[in-house]
Amino acid sequence: MDVGPLIAIGVMTVLTTAAQILWQSPAKRRARRIERALAARPRAWIGEARGLVRVTGRIHHDGELAEAPLSGRPCVVYELVVEAFVKHGGTGLWRRLLDLQHARPFLLTDETGTARIDTSVPFFLALVHDRVGKTSGPYPGKHRALSLLLEDMGLKATDWRGRWRPICYSEGVLAQDELVSVGGDATRQIDQGGESPGPRSPPERLVLRGTEAQPLLIGHARRER
């Protein structure tokens, strides 16, 4: 009996399994890069911030909330990454199906004041993804929310048997009262919801925004300053 084909199949199976095990969320790798860039920004209190800085505080939503696409959680910021394992040659690779990022404008408060975070400009996210998973078995099983999302976007999630393809997903959000760090260009603007610097001066509020050259950086903060 020629054992060559059996050995080849065994090697392919091992390599495919190893590739799936070693999969690491691309959002996690990206978040590490953003965290390093955020940490490089000079720290400042909101009451004193000027120019390119990093401030840390608690989120207060300012208007209508967004809804996380997978979990349905109300939030001001969300990120969802979905990847499918695709056989390629003798092994396989992970191919991005979805990379969704969304940020609503929000307020950020520390001990010295409140800033408005302008998310209408370029931004990068470094979120902690607390909803992660990998599909297997019958479709949709315990991954019904994911199946509905993929179907709505016209993305194929099953194999030839009608079972789940290997798919990994991770979702993170920023919601009311969460501790967050934001890096951006800090300027003071007239704002009726702000504070007046003097008896004859209009009310002002600190606004953080980004540019094409220096995007806004938004990430979970591990602790207060």
N, C-alpha and C. Protein backbone atom coordinates (compact mmCIF):
# COMPACT_ATOMS: atom_id res chain seq x y z
N MET A 1 0.85 -1.20 0.00
CA MET A 1 0.00 0.00 0.00
C MET A 1 0.88 1.25 0.00
N ASP A 2 0.56 2.15 -0.90
CA ASP A 2 1.31 3.40 -1.00
C ASP A 2 0.85 4.36 0.10
N VAL A 3 1.74 4.62 1.06
CA VAL A 3 1.36 5.47 2.20
C VAL A 3 1.64 6.94 1.92
N GLY A 4 2.25 7.21 0.73
CA GLY A 4 2.58 8.60 0.41
C GLY A 4 1.38 9.53 0.47
N PRO A 5 0.26 9.21 -0.21
CA PRO A 5 -0.91 10.09 -0.16
C PRO A 5 -1.45 10.28 1.25
N LEU A 6 -1.39 9.20 2.05
CA LEU A 6 -1.90 9.31 3.43
C LEU A 6 -1.03 10.26 4.24
N ILE A 7 0.29 10.18 4.03
CA ILE A 7 1.20 11.09 4.74
C ILE A 7 0.93 12.53 4.32
N ALA A 8 0.74 12.73 3.01
CA ALA A 8 0.48 14.09 2.51
C ALA A 8 -0.80 14.65 3.11
N ILE A 9 -1.84 13.80 3.17
CA ILE A 9 -3.11 14.25 3.76
C ILE A 9 -2.92 14.59 5.23
N GLY A 10 -2.13 13.74 5.92
CA GLY A 10 -1.89 14.00 7.34
C GLY A 10 -1.16 15.30 7.57
N VAL A 11 -0.14 15.56 6.72
CA VAL A 11 0.61 16.80 6.84
C VAL A 11 -0.29 18.00 6.58
N MET A 12 -1.12 17.92 5.56
CA MET A 12 -2.03 19.02 5.23
C MET A 12 -2.99 19.27 6.38
N THR A 13 -3.48 18.20 7.00
CA THR A 13 -4.41 18.34 8.12
C THR A 13 -3.74 19.03 9.30
N VAL A 14 -2.49 18.61 9.59
CA VAL A 14 -1.76 19.22 10.70
C VAL A 14 -1.51 20.69 10.44
N LEU A 15 -1.08 21.03 9.22
CA LEU A 15 -0.79 22.42 8.89
C LEU A 15 -2.05 23.28 8.94
N THR A 16 -3.15 22.72 8.45
CA THR A 16 -4.42 23.47 8.48
C THR A 16 -4.86 23.72 9.91
N THR A 17 -4.76 22.67 10.74
CA THR A 17 -5.14 22.82 12.15
C THR A 17 -4.25 23.83 12.86
N ALA A 18 -2.94 23.78 12.57
CA ALA A 18 -2.01 24.72 13.20
C ALA A 18 -2.32 26.14 12.80
N ALA A 19 -2.64 26.36 11.53
CA ALA A 19 -2.97 27.71 11.06
C ALA A 19 -4.19 28.25 11.77
N GLN A 20 -5.18 27.38 12.02
CA GLN A 20 -6.39 27.82 12.71
C GLN A 20 -6.09 28.13 14.17
N ILE A 21 -5.25 27.30 14.81
CA ILE A 21 -4.94 27.51 16.22
C ILE A 21 -4.16 28.80 16.41
N LEU A 22 -3.22 29.06 15.48
CA LEU A 22 -2.34 30.22 15.61
C LEU A 22 -3.01 31.51 15.19
N TRP A 23 -4.25 31.44 14.73
CA TRP A 23 -4.95 32.66 14.31
C TRP A 23 -5.01 33.65 15.46
N GLN A 24 -4.66 34.86 15.16
CA GLN A 24 -4.76 35.94 16.15
C GLN A 24 -5.57 37.06 15.54
N SER A 25 -6.50 37.60 16.29
CA SER A 25 -7.36 38.64 15.78
C SER A 25 -6.55 39.78 15.17
N PRO A 26 -6.85 40.13 13.90
CA PRO A 26 -6.15 41.27 13.29
C PRO A 26 -6.46 42.56 14.04
N ALA A 27 -7.64 42.63 14.65
CA ALA A 27 -7.99 43.82 15.43
C ALA A 27 -7.07 43.95 16.64
N LYS A 28 -6.67 42.81 17.23
CA LYS A 28 -5.77 42.85 18.39
C LYS A 28 -4.39 43.34 17.98
N ARG A 29 -3.91 42.86 16.83
CA ARG A 29 -2.60 43.33 16.35
C ARG A 29 -2.66 44.82 16.02
N ARG A 30 -3.74 45.24 15.40
CA ARG A 30 -3.89 46.65 15.06
C ARG A 30 -4.01 47.49 16.32
N ALA A 31 -4.73 46.98 17.32
CA ALA A 31 -4.90 47.73 18.56
C ALA A 31 -3.57 47.98 19.26
N ARG A 32 -2.66 47.02 19.20
CA ARG A 32 -1.35 47.20 19.83
C ARG A 32 -0.60 48.36 19.18
N ARG A 33 -0.70 48.46 17.86
CA ARG A 33 -0.02 49.57 17.17
C ARG A 33 -0.62 50.91 17.57
N ILE A 34 -1.95 50.96 17.66
CA ILE A 34 -2.62 52.20 18.03
C ILE A 34 -2.31 52.56 19.48
N GLU A 35 -2.26 51.56 20.36
CA GLU A 35 -1.92 51.81 21.77
C GLU A 35 -0.54 52.44 21.90
N ARG A 36 0.41 51.95 21.11
CA ARG A 36 1.76 52.53 21.16
C ARG A 36 1.76 53.97 20.67
N ALA A 37 1.01 54.23 19.60
CA ALA A 37 0.93 55.60 19.08
C ALA A 37 0.22 56.51 20.08
N LEU A 38 -0.80 55.99 20.75
CA LEU A 38 -1.55 56.77 21.74
C LEU A 38 -0.66 57.09 22.94
N ALA A 39 0.11 56.10 23.39
CA ALA A 39 0.99 56.31 24.54
C ALA A 39 2.09 57.33 24.25
N ALA A 40 2.40 57.51 22.97
CA ALA A 40 3.45 58.47 22.61
C ALA A 40 2.96 59.92 22.65
N ARG A 41 1.64 60.11 22.66
CA ARG A 41 1.12 61.48 22.75
C ARG A 41 1.31 62.01 24.17
N PRO A 42 1.69 63.28 24.32
CA PRO A 42 1.85 63.85 25.68
C PRO A 42 0.52 63.88 26.42
N ARG A 43 0.54 63.50 27.70
CA ARG A 43 -0.68 63.48 28.52
C ARG A 43 -1.05 64.90 28.95
N ALA A 44 -2.34 65.13 29.11
CA ALA A 44 -2.81 66.45 29.55
C ALA A 44 -4.16 66.29 30.24
N TRP A 45 -4.45 67.22 31.17
CA TRP A 45 -5.79 67.33 31.73
C TRP A 45 -6.65 68.11 30.74
N ILE A 46 -7.93 67.81 30.71
CA ILE A 46 -8.83 68.49 29.79
C ILE A 46 -8.82 70.00 30.02
N GLY A 47 -8.74 70.41 31.29
CA GLY A 47 -8.76 71.83 31.60
C GLY A 47 -7.54 72.59 31.14
N GLU A 48 -6.46 71.85 30.78
CA GLU A 48 -5.21 72.49 30.40
C GLU A 48 -4.75 72.12 29.00
N ALA A 49 -5.46 71.25 28.32
CA ALA A 49 -4.98 70.68 27.07
C ALA A 49 -4.89 71.71 25.95
N ARG A 50 -3.79 71.63 25.21
CA ARG A 50 -3.57 72.46 24.03
C ARG A 50 -2.74 71.67 23.03
N GLY A 51 -3.09 71.75 21.75
CA GLY A 51 -2.29 71.11 20.72
C GLY A 51 -2.48 69.60 20.69
N LEU A 52 -1.46 68.90 20.21
CA LEU A 52 -1.52 67.46 20.04
C LEU A 52 -1.28 66.77 21.39
N VAL A 53 -2.33 66.20 21.98
CA VAL A 53 -2.25 65.65 23.33
C VAL A 53 -3.04 64.34 23.43
N ARG A 54 -2.94 63.73 24.63
CA ARG A 54 -3.75 62.56 24.99
C ARG A 54 -4.45 62.87 26.30
N VAL A 55 -5.76 62.70 26.33
CA VAL A 55 -6.53 62.91 27.55
C VAL A 55 -7.27 61.62 27.90
N THR A 56 -7.53 61.45 29.20
CA THR A 56 -8.21 60.25 29.68
C THR A 56 -9.39 60.64 30.55
N GLY A 57 -10.52 60.00 30.35
CA GLY A 57 -11.69 60.30 31.16
C GLY A 57 -12.83 59.33 30.89
N ARG A 58 -13.99 59.69 31.43
CA ARG A 58 -15.18 58.84 31.29
C ARG A 58 -16.07 59.35 30.16
N ILE A 59 -16.66 58.39 29.45
CA ILE A 59 -17.52 58.72 28.31
C ILE A 59 -18.90 59.18 28.79
N HIS A 60 -19.41 60.21 28.12
CA HIS A 60 -20.81 60.62 28.26
C HIS A 60 -21.36 60.80 26.85
N HIS A 61 -22.39 60.06 26.53
CA HIS A 61 -22.89 60.15 25.15
C HIS A 61 -23.55 61.50 24.92
N ASP A 62 -23.45 61.97 23.71
CA ASP A 62 -23.96 63.28 23.34
C ASP A 62 -24.85 63.12 22.12
N GLY A 63 -26.06 62.64 22.35
CA GLY A 63 -26.99 62.40 21.25
C GLY A 63 -27.32 60.93 21.13
N GLU A 64 -27.77 60.53 19.95
CA GLU A 64 -28.23 59.17 19.71
C GLU A 64 -27.07 58.18 19.77
N LEU A 65 -27.30 57.04 20.40
CA LEU A 65 -26.28 56.01 20.50
C LEU A 65 -26.27 55.13 19.25
N ALA A 66 -25.13 54.49 19.02
CA ALA A 66 -25.02 53.49 17.97
C ALA A 66 -25.38 52.12 18.55
N GLU A 67 -25.50 51.12 17.69
CA GLU A 67 -25.80 49.75 18.13
C GLU A 67 -24.74 48.82 17.55
N ALA A 68 -24.07 48.08 18.42
CA ALA A 68 -23.03 47.16 17.96
C ALA A 68 -23.65 46.14 17.01
N PRO A 69 -23.01 45.87 15.87
CA PRO A 69 -23.64 45.05 14.82
C PRO A 69 -23.86 43.59 15.20
N LEU A 70 -23.04 43.05 16.10
CA LEU A 70 -23.19 41.64 16.45
C LEU A 70 -23.98 41.45 17.74
N SER A 71 -23.62 42.17 18.79
CA SER A 71 -24.26 41.99 20.09
C SER A 71 -25.48 42.88 20.30
N GLY A 72 -25.60 43.94 19.49
CA GLY A 72 -26.73 44.86 19.64
C GLY A 72 -26.60 45.80 20.83
N ARG A 73 -25.41 45.88 21.44
CA ARG A 73 -25.22 46.73 22.62
C ARG A 73 -25.24 48.21 22.24
N PRO A 74 -25.91 49.06 23.03
CA PRO A 74 -25.84 50.51 22.78
C PRO A 74 -24.45 51.02 23.13
N CYS A 75 -23.91 51.88 22.30
CA CYS A 75 -22.53 52.33 22.49
C CYS A 75 -22.29 53.61 21.69
N VAL A 76 -21.14 54.23 21.91
CA VAL A 76 -20.75 55.37 21.08
C VAL A 76 -19.72 54.95 20.03
N VAL A 77 -19.00 53.85 20.31
CA VAL A 77 -17.98 53.35 19.39
C VAL A 77 -18.07 51.83 19.33
N TYR A 78 -17.92 51.26 18.14
CA TYR A 78 -17.82 49.80 18.04
C TYR A 78 -16.83 49.41 16.95
N GLU A 79 -16.35 48.17 17.09
CA GLU A 79 -15.46 47.59 16.09
C GLU A 79 -15.77 46.10 16.00
N LEU A 80 -15.90 45.59 14.79
CA LEU A 80 -16.17 44.17 14.57
C LEU A 80 -15.29 43.67 13.45
N VAL A 81 -14.55 42.59 13.72
CA VAL A 81 -13.71 41.96 12.70
C VAL A 81 -14.14 40.50 12.56
N VAL A 82 -14.39 40.08 11.32
CA VAL A 82 -14.79 38.70 11.03
C VAL A 82 -13.87 38.15 9.95
N GLU A 83 -13.27 36.98 10.20
CA GLU A 83 -12.39 36.35 9.23
C GLU A 83 -12.78 34.89 9.03
N ALA A 84 -12.63 34.41 7.80
CA ALA A 84 -12.93 33.02 7.47
C ALA A 84 -11.65 32.30 7.06
N PHE A 85 -11.54 31.03 7.46
CA PHE A 85 -10.39 30.23 7.07
C PHE A 85 -10.66 29.62 5.71
N VAL A 86 -9.76 29.91 4.76
CA VAL A 86 -9.93 29.44 3.38
C VAL A 86 -8.75 28.57 3.02
N LYS A 87 -9.03 27.35 2.52
CA LYS A 87 -7.96 26.46 2.09
C LYS A 87 -7.30 27.05 0.85
N HIS A 88 -5.97 27.03 0.89
CA HIS A 88 -5.19 27.62 -0.20
C HIS A 88 -3.97 26.75 -0.45
N GLY A 89 -3.96 26.06 -1.60
CA GLY A 89 -2.86 25.15 -1.86
C GLY A 89 -2.87 24.00 -0.87
N GLY A 90 -1.71 23.75 -0.26
CA GLY A 90 -1.62 22.66 0.69
C GLY A 90 -2.02 23.03 2.09
N THR A 91 -2.19 24.32 2.37
CA THR A 91 -2.56 24.72 3.73
C THR A 91 -3.82 25.56 3.68
N GLY A 92 -3.74 26.78 4.13
CA GLY A 92 -4.90 27.67 4.13
C GLY A 92 -4.52 29.01 4.71
N LEU A 93 -5.43 29.94 4.61
CA LEU A 93 -5.17 31.27 5.14
C LEU A 93 -6.47 31.87 5.65
N TRP A 94 -6.32 32.90 6.51
CA TRP A 94 -7.48 33.61 7.04
C TRP A 94 -7.76 34.81 6.14
N ARG A 95 -9.00 34.91 5.68
CA ARG A 95 -9.39 35.99 4.78
C ARG A 95 -10.43 36.88 5.47
N ARG A 96 -10.20 38.17 5.43
CA ARG A 96 -11.09 39.13 6.08
C ARG A 96 -12.45 39.17 5.38
N LEU A 97 -13.52 38.96 6.13
CA LEU A 97 -14.88 39.09 5.61
C LEU A 97 -15.47 40.46 5.96
N LEU A 98 -15.26 40.88 7.21
CA LEU A 98 -15.80 42.15 7.67
C LEU A 98 -14.78 42.86 8.55
N ASP A 99 -14.73 44.17 8.42
CA ASP A 99 -13.91 44.99 9.31
C ASP A 99 -14.69 46.29 9.50
N LEU A 100 -15.60 46.28 10.47
CA LEU A 100 -16.52 47.39 10.67
C LEU A 100 -16.07 48.25 11.85
N GLN A 101 -15.97 49.55 11.62
CA GLN A 101 -15.64 50.51 12.67
C GLN A 101 -16.59 51.68 12.58
N HIS A 102 -17.05 52.12 13.74
CA HIS A 102 -17.98 53.25 13.76
C HIS A 102 -17.80 54.01 15.07
N ALA A 103 -17.84 55.34 14.98
CA ALA A 103 -17.70 56.17 16.19
C ALA A 103 -18.62 57.37 16.09
N ARG A 104 -19.48 57.52 17.07
CA ARG A 104 -20.33 58.70 17.18
C ARG A 104 -19.59 59.77 17.98
N PRO A 105 -19.88 61.05 17.76
CA PRO A 105 -19.29 62.09 18.62
C PRO A 105 -19.72 61.85 20.07
N PHE A 106 -18.81 62.11 21.02
CA PHE A 106 -19.16 61.91 22.42
C PHE A 106 -18.40 62.90 23.29
N LEU A 107 -18.81 62.98 24.56
CA LEU A 107 -18.15 63.84 25.53
C LEU A 107 -17.24 63.00 26.42
N LEU A 108 -16.13 63.61 26.84
CA LEU A 108 -15.16 62.94 27.70
C LEU A 108 -14.89 63.84 28.90
N THR A 109 -15.04 63.29 30.11
CA THR A 109 -14.93 64.11 31.33
C THR A 109 -13.83 63.58 32.24
N ASP A 110 -12.98 64.50 32.72
CA ASP A 110 -12.04 64.17 33.79
C ASP A 110 -12.25 65.14 34.95
N GLU A 111 -11.33 65.20 35.90
CA GLU A 111 -11.50 66.03 37.09
C GLU A 111 -11.50 67.52 36.78
N THR A 112 -11.00 67.89 35.60
CA THR A 112 -10.81 69.32 35.30
C THR A 112 -11.80 69.87 34.28
N GLY A 113 -12.61 69.02 33.67
CA GLY A 113 -13.55 69.55 32.69
C GLY A 113 -14.08 68.48 31.74
N THR A 114 -14.76 68.95 30.70
CA THR A 114 -15.37 68.06 29.72
C THR A 114 -14.96 68.47 28.32
N ALA A 115 -14.56 67.50 27.51
CA ALA A 115 -14.16 67.75 26.14
C ALA A 115 -15.14 67.09 25.18
N ARG A 116 -15.27 67.67 24.00
CA ARG A 116 -16.06 67.06 22.95
C ARG A 116 -15.12 66.33 21.99
N ILE A 117 -15.43 65.07 21.69
CA ILE A 117 -14.61 64.27 20.79
C ILE A 117 -15.29 64.26 19.42
N ASP A 118 -14.62 64.86 18.45
CA ASP A 118 -15.16 64.99 17.09
C ASP A 118 -14.71 63.79 16.27
N THR A 119 -15.65 62.87 16.02
CA THR A 119 -15.32 61.64 15.28
C THR A 119 -15.68 61.74 13.80
N SER A 120 -15.97 62.95 13.32
CA SER A 120 -16.30 63.11 11.90
C SER A 120 -15.03 63.16 11.05
N VAL A 121 -13.89 63.09 11.69
CA VAL A 121 -12.60 63.16 11.02
C VAL A 121 -11.93 61.78 11.08
N PRO A 122 -10.81 61.57 10.39
CA PRO A 122 -10.14 60.26 10.43
C PRO A 122 -9.81 59.82 11.85
N PHE A 123 -10.05 58.54 12.16
CA PHE A 123 -9.76 58.02 13.50
C PHE A 123 -9.29 56.57 13.41
N PHE A 124 -8.57 56.15 14.45
CA PHE A 124 -8.15 54.76 14.62
C PHE A 124 -8.59 54.30 16.00
N LEU A 125 -8.96 53.01 16.12
CA LEU A 125 -9.47 52.46 17.37
C LEU A 125 -8.52 51.41 17.94
N ALA A 126 -8.44 51.38 19.27
CA ALA A 126 -7.71 50.34 19.99
C ALA A 126 -8.61 49.85 21.11
N LEU A 127 -9.57 49.01 20.75
CA LEU A 127 -10.58 48.56 21.70
C LEU A 127 -10.25 47.18 22.27
N VAL A 128 -10.75 46.94 23.47
CA VAL A 128 -10.72 45.61 24.05
C VAL A 128 -11.91 44.85 23.50
N HIS A 129 -11.66 43.74 22.82
CA HIS A 129 -12.74 42.95 22.23
C HIS A 129 -13.20 41.90 23.23
N ASP A 130 -14.39 42.10 23.77
CA ASP A 130 -14.90 41.21 24.80
C ASP A 130 -15.94 40.22 24.27
N ARG A 131 -16.25 40.28 22.99
CA ARG A 131 -17.14 39.29 22.38
C ARG A 131 -16.36 38.63 21.25
N VAL A 132 -15.85 37.43 21.52
CA VAL A 132 -15.04 36.72 20.54
C VAL A 132 -15.57 35.30 20.41
N GLY A 133 -15.32 34.68 19.26
CA GLY A 133 -15.77 33.32 19.08
C GLY A 133 -15.30 32.72 17.77
N LYS A 134 -15.54 31.43 17.64
CA LYS A 134 -15.19 30.71 16.42
C LYS A 134 -16.30 29.72 16.11
N THR A 135 -16.69 29.67 14.86
CA THR A 135 -17.82 28.83 14.46
C THR A 135 -17.37 27.40 14.19
N SER A 136 -18.32 26.50 14.37
CA SER A 136 -18.13 25.09 14.01
C SER A 136 -19.48 24.41 14.10
N GLY A 137 -19.58 23.24 13.47
CA GLY A 137 -20.79 22.44 13.60
C GLY A 137 -21.97 22.92 12.78
N PRO A 138 -23.18 22.52 13.19
CA PRO A 138 -24.40 22.87 12.44
C PRO A 138 -24.61 24.38 12.35
N TYR A 139 -25.23 24.79 11.27
CA TYR A 139 -25.51 26.20 11.02
C TYR A 139 -26.99 26.48 11.33
N PRO A 140 -27.35 27.56 12.07
CA PRO A 140 -26.45 28.55 12.68
C PRO A 140 -26.02 28.21 14.11
N GLY A 141 -26.71 27.24 14.75
CA GLY A 141 -26.33 26.84 16.10
C GLY A 141 -26.35 28.01 17.06
N LYS A 142 -25.29 28.16 17.85
CA LYS A 142 -25.23 29.22 18.86
C LYS A 142 -24.73 30.55 18.28
N HIS A 143 -24.50 30.57 16.97
CA HIS A 143 -23.99 31.78 16.33
C HIS A 143 -25.05 32.42 15.42
N ARG A 144 -26.27 32.42 15.89
CA ARG A 144 -27.38 32.93 15.07
C ARG A 144 -27.18 34.41 14.71
N ALA A 145 -26.76 35.21 15.68
CA ALA A 145 -26.58 36.64 15.41
C ALA A 145 -25.55 36.86 14.30
N LEU A 146 -24.48 36.09 14.32
CA LEU A 146 -23.46 36.19 13.28
C LEU A 146 -24.03 35.75 11.94
N SER A 147 -24.79 34.67 11.92
CA SER A 147 -25.36 34.18 10.67
C SER A 147 -26.29 35.22 10.03
N LEU A 148 -27.10 35.88 10.85
CA LEU A 148 -28.02 36.90 10.32
C LEU A 148 -27.25 38.09 9.75
N LEU A 149 -26.17 38.48 10.44
CA LEU A 149 -25.37 39.60 9.96
C LEU A 149 -24.70 39.27 8.63
N LEU A 150 -24.11 38.08 8.53
CA LEU A 150 -23.44 37.70 7.29
C LEU A 150 -24.42 37.53 6.14
N GLU A 151 -25.58 36.94 6.43
CA GLU A 151 -26.59 36.78 5.40
C GLU A 151 -27.08 38.13 4.89
N ASP A 152 -27.26 39.07 5.82
CA ASP A 152 -27.72 40.41 5.45
C ASP A 152 -26.73 41.10 4.52
N MET A 153 -25.45 40.76 4.67
CA MET A 153 -24.42 41.37 3.83
C MET A 153 -24.05 40.51 2.63
N GLY A 154 -24.78 39.43 2.43
CA GLY A 154 -24.56 38.59 1.27
C GLY A 154 -23.28 37.79 1.32
N LEU A 155 -22.81 37.44 2.52
CA LEU A 155 -21.55 36.71 2.68
C LEU A 155 -21.84 35.24 3.00
N LYS A 156 -21.17 34.35 2.29
CA LYS A 156 -21.39 32.91 2.47
C LYS A 156 -20.67 32.43 3.71
N ALA A 157 -21.40 31.73 4.58
CA ALA A 157 -20.83 31.30 5.85
C ALA A 157 -20.83 29.78 6.01
N THR A 158 -21.31 29.04 5.02
CA THR A 158 -21.42 27.58 5.15
C THR A 158 -20.58 26.87 4.10
N ASP A 159 -20.25 25.60 4.39
CA ASP A 159 -19.52 24.78 3.42
C ASP A 159 -20.52 24.01 2.55
N TRP A 160 -20.01 23.08 1.76
CA TRP A 160 -20.87 22.35 0.82
C TRP A 160 -21.89 21.45 1.53
N ARG A 161 -21.62 21.16 2.80
CA ARG A 161 -22.56 20.32 3.58
C ARG A 161 -23.62 21.16 4.29
N GLY A 162 -23.52 22.48 4.18
CA GLY A 162 -24.47 23.34 4.89
C GLY A 162 -24.09 23.59 6.33
N ARG A 163 -22.84 23.24 6.71
CA ARG A 163 -22.34 23.49 8.05
C ARG A 163 -21.47 24.74 8.04
N TRP A 164 -21.17 25.24 9.23
CA TRP A 164 -20.34 26.45 9.34
C TRP A 164 -18.97 26.25 8.70
N ARG A 165 -18.52 27.24 7.94
CA ARG A 165 -17.11 27.34 7.60
C ARG A 165 -16.37 27.79 8.87
N PRO A 166 -15.06 27.53 8.99
CA PRO A 166 -14.32 28.06 10.15
C PRO A 166 -14.27 29.59 10.06
N ILE A 167 -14.94 30.25 10.97
CA ILE A 167 -15.00 31.71 11.00
C ILE A 167 -14.69 32.18 12.41
N CYS A 168 -13.79 33.15 12.53
CA CYS A 168 -13.49 33.77 13.82
C CYS A 168 -13.99 35.21 13.81
N TYR A 169 -14.50 35.64 14.95
CA TYR A 169 -15.02 37.01 15.04
C TYR A 169 -14.65 37.61 16.38
N SER A 170 -14.56 38.94 16.41
CA SER A 170 -14.28 39.65 17.66
C SER A 170 -14.92 41.03 17.58
N GLU A 171 -15.59 41.42 18.67
CA GLU A 171 -16.29 42.71 18.72
C GLU A 171 -15.95 43.44 20.01
N GLY A 172 -15.73 44.73 19.90
CA GLY A 172 -15.49 45.57 21.07
C GLY A 172 -16.31 46.85 20.96
N VAL A 173 -16.66 47.41 22.12
CA VAL A 173 -17.45 48.65 22.12
C VAL A 173 -16.93 49.60 23.20
N LEU A 174 -17.29 50.86 23.06
CA LEU A 174 -17.13 51.86 24.11
C LEU A 174 -18.51 52.40 24.43
N ALA A 175 -18.90 52.33 25.69
CA ALA A 175 -20.24 52.72 26.10
C ALA A 175 -20.18 53.77 27.21
N GLN A 176 -21.36 54.22 27.62
CA GLN A 176 -21.49 55.24 28.66
C GLN A 176 -20.67 54.88 29.90
N ASP A 177 -19.93 55.87 30.44
CA ASP A 177 -19.15 55.78 31.68
C ASP A 177 -17.87 54.96 31.56
N GLU A 178 -17.56 54.41 30.40
CA GLU A 178 -16.31 53.67 30.27
C GLU A 178 -15.12 54.61 30.26
N LEU A 179 -14.00 54.10 30.77
CA LEU A 179 -12.77 54.87 30.83
C LEU A 179 -12.05 54.74 29.49
N VAL A 180 -11.71 55.88 28.90
CA VAL A 180 -11.13 55.87 27.56
C VAL A 180 -10.04 56.93 27.46
N SER A 181 -9.04 56.66 26.62
CA SER A 181 -8.02 57.65 26.30
C SER A 181 -8.21 58.07 24.85
N VAL A 182 -8.06 59.36 24.60
CA VAL A 182 -8.21 59.90 23.25
C VAL A 182 -7.02 60.79 22.94
N GLY A 183 -6.41 60.56 21.79
CA GLY A 183 -5.33 61.41 21.35
C GLY A 183 -5.76 62.20 20.13
N GLY A 184 -5.56 63.52 20.18
CA GLY A 184 -5.96 64.36 19.06
C GLY A 184 -5.44 65.77 19.21
N ASP A 185 -5.83 66.61 18.27
CA ASP A 185 -5.45 68.02 18.31
C ASP A 185 -6.50 68.77 19.12
N ALA A 186 -6.10 69.33 20.26
CA ALA A 186 -7.01 69.97 21.20
C ALA A 186 -7.10 71.47 20.94
N THR A 187 -8.32 71.95 20.69
CA THR A 187 -8.56 73.39 20.52
C THR A 187 -9.79 73.77 21.30
N ARG A 188 -9.91 75.05 21.66
CA ARG A 188 -11.08 75.55 22.38
C ARG A 188 -12.00 76.26 21.41
N GLN A 189 -13.29 75.91 21.50
CA GLN A 189 -14.29 76.48 20.60
C GLN A 189 -15.49 76.97 21.39
N ILE A 190 -16.17 77.95 20.84
CA ILE A 190 -17.39 78.45 21.47
C ILE A 190 -18.44 77.35 21.46
N ASP A 191 -19.01 77.10 22.64
CA ASP A 191 -19.98 76.02 22.80
C ASP A 191 -20.92 76.40 23.93
N GLN A 192 -22.21 76.47 23.65
CA GLN A 192 -23.19 76.87 24.66
C GLN A 192 -23.24 75.91 25.84
N GLY A 193 -22.78 74.68 25.63
CA GLY A 193 -22.76 73.72 26.72
C GLY A 193 -21.49 73.74 27.53
N GLY A 194 -20.55 74.63 27.15
CA GLY A 194 -19.27 74.70 27.84
C GLY A 194 -19.27 75.68 28.99
N GLU A 195 -18.08 76.10 29.39
CA GLU A 195 -17.91 77.03 30.50
C GLU A 195 -17.27 78.32 29.99
N SER A 196 -17.65 79.42 30.60
CA SER A 196 -17.13 80.72 30.20
C SER A 196 -15.80 80.99 30.91
N PRO A 197 -14.75 81.37 30.16
CA PRO A 197 -13.46 81.66 30.80
C PRO A 197 -13.45 82.98 31.56
N GLY A 198 -14.46 83.82 31.35
CA GLY A 198 -14.53 85.11 32.02
C GLY A 198 -15.95 85.65 32.01
N PRO A 199 -16.24 86.67 32.81
CA PRO A 199 -17.61 87.19 32.92
C PRO A 199 -18.16 87.74 31.61
N ARG A 200 -17.31 88.19 30.71
CA ARG A 200 -17.77 88.77 29.46
C ARG A 200 -17.39 87.91 28.25
N SER A 201 -16.99 86.69 28.50
CA SER A 201 -16.57 85.79 27.42
C SER A 201 -17.63 84.73 27.17
N PRO A 202 -17.82 84.35 25.91
CA PRO A 202 -18.78 83.29 25.60
C PRO A 202 -18.29 81.95 26.14
N PRO A 203 -19.20 81.01 26.40
CA PRO A 203 -18.80 79.69 26.91
C PRO A 203 -17.97 78.94 25.86
N GLU A 204 -16.99 78.20 26.34
CA GLU A 204 -16.11 77.43 25.47
C GLU A 204 -16.05 75.97 25.92
N ARG A 205 -15.64 75.13 24.99
CA ARG A 205 -15.39 73.73 25.33
C ARG A 205 -14.17 73.23 24.55
N LEU A 206 -13.39 72.37 25.17
CA LEU A 206 -12.27 71.77 24.48
C LEU A 206 -12.80 70.75 23.47
N VAL A 207 -12.26 70.78 22.25
CA VAL A 207 -12.64 69.83 21.21
C VAL A 207 -11.39 69.11 20.73
N LEU A 208 -11.46 67.78 20.69
CA LEU A 208 -10.37 66.97 20.15
C LEU A 208 -10.80 66.39 18.82
N ARG A 209 -9.94 66.57 17.82
CA ARG A 209 -10.21 66.01 16.50
C ARG A 209 -8.89 65.60 15.86
N GLY A 210 -8.97 64.92 14.75
CA GLY A 210 -7.78 64.49 14.04
C GLY A 210 -7.70 65.09 12.66
N THR A 211 -6.65 64.74 11.95
CA THR A 211 -6.45 65.17 10.57
C THR A 211 -5.98 63.96 9.77
N GLU A 212 -5.82 64.13 8.46
CA GLU A 212 -5.31 63.04 7.64
C GLU A 212 -3.90 62.66 8.10
N ALA A 213 -3.11 63.67 8.45
CA ALA A 213 -1.73 63.41 8.87
C ALA A 213 -1.64 62.88 10.30
N GLN A 214 -2.53 63.34 11.18
CA GLN A 214 -2.55 62.94 12.59
C GLN A 214 -3.96 62.53 12.98
N PRO A 215 -4.37 61.30 12.63
CA PRO A 215 -5.74 60.86 12.93
C PRO A 215 -6.04 60.85 14.42
N LEU A 216 -7.31 60.95 14.75
CA LEU A 216 -7.78 60.81 16.12
C LEU A 216 -7.53 59.37 16.57
N LEU A 217 -7.02 59.19 17.79
CA LEU A 217 -6.76 57.87 18.34
C LEU A 217 -7.67 57.65 19.54
N ILE A 218 -8.41 56.55 19.55
CA ILE A 218 -9.38 56.26 20.61
C ILE A 218 -9.13 54.84 21.12
N GLY A 219 -8.97 54.71 22.44
CA GLY A 219 -8.72 53.38 22.98
C GLY A 219 -9.16 53.24 24.43
N HIS A 220 -9.44 52.00 24.84
CA HIS A 220 -9.72 51.72 26.24
C HIS A 220 -8.53 52.13 27.10
N ALA A 221 -8.82 52.70 28.25
CA ALA A 221 -7.78 53.06 29.21
C ALA A 221 -7.83 52.05 30.36
N ARG A 222 -6.68 51.61 30.82
CA ARG A 222 -6.63 50.60 31.88
C ARG A 222 -6.89 51.17 33.27
N ARG A 223 -6.57 52.46 33.45
CA ARG A 223 -6.78 53.04 34.77
C ARG A 223 -6.85 54.56 34.65
N GLU A 224 -7.31 55.21 35.71
CA GLU A 224 -7.34 56.65 35.74
C GLU A 224 -5.92 57.19 35.75
N ARG A 225 -5.78 58.44 35.33
CA ARG A 225 -4.45 59.07 35.35
C ARG A 225 -4.00 59.29 36.80
